[in-house]
Protein backbone atom coordinates (compact mmCIF):
# COMPACT_ATOMS: atom_id res chain seq x y z
CA MET A 1 -26.66 -73.65 -102.15
CA MET A 2 -27.73 -73.22 -98.59
CA ASP A 3 -24.30 -73.97 -97.46
CA PHE A 4 -22.80 -70.83 -99.50
CA PHE A 5 -25.24 -68.66 -97.22
CA ASP A 6 -23.98 -70.41 -93.81
CA GLY A 7 -22.33 -67.78 -91.75
CA MET A 8 -23.65 -64.48 -93.36
CA SER A 9 -25.40 -61.87 -91.97
CA THR A 10 -29.23 -61.29 -92.90
CA LEU A 11 -28.09 -58.05 -94.93
CA GLN A 12 -25.63 -60.11 -96.58
CA GLN A 13 -27.95 -63.00 -97.47
CA SER A 14 -30.62 -60.49 -98.67
CA PHE A 15 -28.09 -58.57 -101.10
CA TRP A 16 -27.26 -62.02 -102.70
CA TRP A 17 -30.93 -63.31 -102.98
CA VAL A 18 -31.88 -59.87 -104.47
CA ALA A 19 -29.11 -59.83 -106.77
CA ILE A 20 -29.41 -63.58 -108.13
CA ILE A 21 -33.03 -63.24 -108.41
CA ALA A 22 -32.87 -59.98 -110.25
CA SER A 23 -29.96 -61.46 -112.62
CA LEU A 24 -32.15 -64.52 -113.47
CA ILE A 25 -35.13 -62.34 -114.32
CA PHE A 26 -32.88 -59.96 -116.05
CA LEU A 27 -31.71 -62.68 -118.25
CA LEU A 28 -34.88 -63.96 -118.94
CA GLN A 29 -36.12 -60.67 -120.09
CA LEU A 30 -33.00 -60.34 -122.23
CA ILE A 31 -33.64 -63.86 -123.92
CA PHE A 32 -37.52 -62.72 -124.85
CA THR A 33 -36.49 -59.57 -126.10
CA ILE A 34 -33.93 -61.12 -128.31
CA ILE A 35 -36.50 -63.76 -129.73
CA GLY A 36 -39.07 -60.89 -130.20
CA THR A 37 -41.48 -61.46 -127.02
CA ASP A 38 -41.87 -58.77 -124.24
CA LEU A 39 -43.50 -60.67 -121.52
CA SER A 40 -42.05 -58.53 -118.83
CA ASP A 41 -43.53 -54.84 -119.64
CA GLY A 42 -46.95 -53.83 -118.61
CA LEU A 43 -46.78 -54.73 -115.02
CA GLY A 44 -50.67 -54.32 -113.97
CA ALA A 45 -50.49 -52.36 -110.87
CA ASP A 46 -53.65 -51.88 -108.45
CA PHE A 47 -53.63 -48.11 -107.94
CA ASP A 48 -55.12 -45.08 -109.52
CA GLY A 49 -52.65 -43.41 -111.98
CA ASN A 50 -52.14 -42.61 -115.54
CA LEU A 51 -49.15 -44.40 -116.23
CA ASP A 52 -50.10 -45.08 -119.97
CA ALA A 53 -50.17 -41.59 -120.58
CA VAL A 54 -46.61 -40.96 -120.84
CA HIS A 55 -45.83 -39.84 -124.25
CA GLY A 56 -42.91 -42.33 -125.14
CA PRO A 57 -41.57 -45.66 -124.68
CA PHE A 58 -40.27 -45.13 -121.23
CA GLN A 59 -42.41 -45.87 -118.32
CA LEU A 60 -40.77 -45.06 -114.73
CA PHE A 61 -42.72 -47.83 -112.90
CA SER A 62 -42.39 -50.95 -114.73
CA PHE A 63 -41.31 -54.39 -114.14
CA ARG A 64 -38.27 -54.21 -116.34
CA ASN A 65 -37.18 -50.75 -114.28
CA LEU A 66 -37.69 -52.76 -111.19
CA ILE A 67 -35.45 -55.29 -111.96
CA ASN A 68 -32.67 -53.07 -113.44
CA PHE A 69 -32.98 -51.13 -109.98
CA LEU A 70 -33.06 -54.73 -108.06
CA MET A 71 -29.95 -55.78 -109.96
CA GLY A 72 -27.98 -52.86 -109.20
CA PHE A 73 -28.95 -52.56 -105.72
CA GLY A 74 -28.21 -56.25 -104.99
CA TRP A 75 -25.10 -56.38 -106.54
CA THR A 76 -23.70 -53.41 -105.15
CA GLY A 77 -24.62 -54.54 -101.66
CA VAL A 78 -22.68 -57.91 -102.64
CA ALA A 79 -19.76 -56.18 -104.04
CA PHE A 80 -19.33 -53.60 -101.00
CA PHE A 81 -20.55 -55.68 -98.03
CA HIS A 82 -16.90 -55.88 -96.65
CA SER A 83 -15.57 -52.75 -97.96
CA ILE A 84 -18.39 -50.40 -96.19
CA GLN A 85 -18.71 -51.11 -92.59
CA ASN A 86 -21.96 -48.99 -92.10
CA GLN A 87 -24.64 -50.70 -92.91
CA MET A 88 -27.03 -47.54 -93.63
CA PHE A 89 -24.31 -45.91 -96.16
CA LEU A 90 -23.84 -49.45 -97.98
CA ILE A 91 -28.01 -49.58 -98.40
CA ILE A 92 -28.01 -45.95 -99.59
CA LEU A 93 -25.07 -46.55 -101.78
CA ALA A 94 -26.73 -49.55 -103.34
CA ALA A 95 -30.02 -47.75 -103.67
CA LEU A 96 -28.15 -44.97 -105.45
CA VAL A 97 -26.67 -47.42 -107.98
CA GLY A 98 -30.16 -49.23 -108.42
CA ILE A 99 -31.03 -45.84 -109.58
CA LEU A 100 -28.05 -45.11 -111.97
CA PHE A 101 -28.73 -48.62 -113.48
CA VAL A 102 -32.51 -47.36 -114.37
CA VAL A 103 -31.12 -44.07 -115.58
CA ILE A 104 -28.55 -46.20 -117.53
CA PHE A 105 -31.45 -47.93 -119.07
CA PHE A 106 -33.24 -44.85 -120.31
CA VAL A 107 -30.23 -43.39 -121.69
CA VAL A 108 -29.32 -46.68 -123.60
CA ILE A 109 -32.65 -46.82 -125.09
CA LYS A 110 -33.07 -43.23 -125.77
CA GLN A 111 -29.93 -43.71 -128.17
CA ILE A 112 -30.98 -46.73 -129.72
CA LEU A 113 -34.45 -45.10 -130.64
CA LYS A 114 -32.41 -42.33 -132.33
CA LEU A 115 -31.30 -44.83 -134.97
CA THR A 116 -35.13 -45.75 -135.85
CA GLU A 117 -36.43 -43.85 -139.06
CA ASP A 118 -39.95 -43.73 -140.20
CA ASN A 119 -39.46 -44.19 -143.92
CA THR A 120 -43.22 -44.71 -144.75
CA PHE A 121 -44.36 -43.13 -147.84
CA ASN A 122 -46.96 -40.25 -147.13
CA ILE A 123 -48.10 -38.35 -150.05
CA ASN A 124 -49.12 -35.45 -148.20
CA LYS A 125 -45.33 -34.70 -147.85
CA LEU A 126 -44.91 -34.26 -151.33
CA ILE A 127 -47.12 -30.76 -151.30
CA GLY A 128 -44.71 -27.85 -152.34
CA LYS A 129 -41.77 -30.34 -153.71
CA THR A 130 -40.31 -30.14 -156.94
CA ALA A 131 -40.49 -32.96 -159.77
CA GLU A 132 -39.87 -33.63 -163.10
CA VAL A 133 -42.56 -34.72 -165.42
CA TYR A 134 -41.91 -38.35 -166.70
CA LEU A 135 -45.18 -38.61 -169.15
CA ARG A 136 -46.75 -35.37 -170.69
CA ILE A 137 -49.56 -34.09 -168.31
CA PRO A 138 -52.40 -33.06 -170.45
CA GLU A 139 -54.20 -29.54 -170.10
CA ALA A 140 -57.19 -28.50 -167.84
CA ARG A 141 -57.63 -31.66 -165.77
CA SER A 142 -58.35 -33.63 -169.34
CA GLY A 143 -55.85 -36.32 -168.54
CA ASN A 144 -53.26 -38.11 -166.37
CA GLY A 145 -49.68 -37.78 -166.88
CA LYS A 146 -46.65 -39.35 -164.70
CA ILE A 147 -44.10 -37.45 -162.69
CA GLN A 148 -40.95 -38.20 -160.99
CA VAL A 149 -40.36 -36.99 -157.49
CA SER A 150 -37.66 -37.94 -154.71
CA LEU A 151 -38.85 -37.96 -150.89
CA ASN A 152 -36.33 -39.39 -148.14
CA GLY A 153 -33.91 -40.33 -150.73
CA THR A 154 -36.07 -42.50 -152.57
CA ASN A 155 -37.67 -41.88 -156.13
CA HIS A 156 -41.45 -42.11 -156.70
CA GLU A 157 -43.29 -42.51 -160.29
CA LEU A 158 -46.84 -40.76 -159.62
CA LEU A 159 -50.01 -39.59 -161.41
CA ALA A 160 -50.20 -36.30 -161.91
CA ILE A 161 -52.72 -33.91 -163.33
CA THR A 162 -52.51 -29.73 -164.22
CA GLU A 163 -55.29 -27.17 -163.97
CA THR A 164 -53.27 -25.12 -166.52
CA GLY A 165 -52.01 -25.86 -170.03
CA GLU A 166 -49.99 -28.90 -171.19
CA ILE A 167 -47.09 -29.82 -169.47
CA ALA A 168 -44.42 -31.53 -171.82
CA SER A 169 -42.13 -34.57 -170.63
CA GLY A 170 -39.01 -33.25 -169.30
CA SER A 171 -40.43 -29.97 -167.54
CA LEU A 172 -40.01 -29.15 -163.96
CA VAL A 173 -43.64 -28.69 -161.87
CA ARG A 174 -44.52 -27.87 -158.26
CA ILE A 175 -46.91 -30.17 -156.65
CA ILE A 176 -49.40 -27.77 -155.56
CA ARG A 177 -52.05 -30.18 -153.40
CA VAL A 178 -53.13 -33.84 -153.35
CA GLU A 179 -56.67 -35.25 -154.60
CA GLU A 180 -57.63 -38.79 -154.30
CA LYS A 181 -54.16 -39.99 -154.39
CA VAL A 182 -53.66 -37.70 -157.70
CA LEU A 183 -51.06 -35.03 -157.57
CA ILE A 184 -52.18 -31.75 -158.70
CA VAL A 185 -49.01 -29.80 -160.32
CA GLU A 186 -48.00 -26.42 -162.16
CA LYS A 187 -45.07 -25.51 -164.09
CA ILE A 188 -42.55 -23.95 -162.72
């Protein structure tokens, strides 16, 4: 492998080493992500700063973003080393492409997160919804009945009581509040 680097300038060797090492770490991160571990995020930095206060899954200063930057930086330097003679311009271009890699990572992750959906059932989200009485609801809190209600495209059969008169099966009701996981309803 060292024969490969013979005759290369220090800058060209640096680009190759950065590109190779960053790519290997990127592949390890990819494998760990696919198998379900996340060993690369949360780099413990030794400085004062509240980086954990970010509201969302993105942290600008993370090990993953460092690797994305270095991979873009290194491979751009390797690819354009013989095409661009001005070394300062080449380094600036490589840094800009490294930053572009980080931005692309943010955009891709943001698009992936749009695919997530929270379908956890929260009984409090039923307040104000219309439901159909499945089993008769006795008057004035004297017993429980059951209603069928749809939330997020899923039908639920839940206990319900009323504070007014009896409500027959098949009637439409509005859910007015929740008490101890029992729905308080009124006839529409």
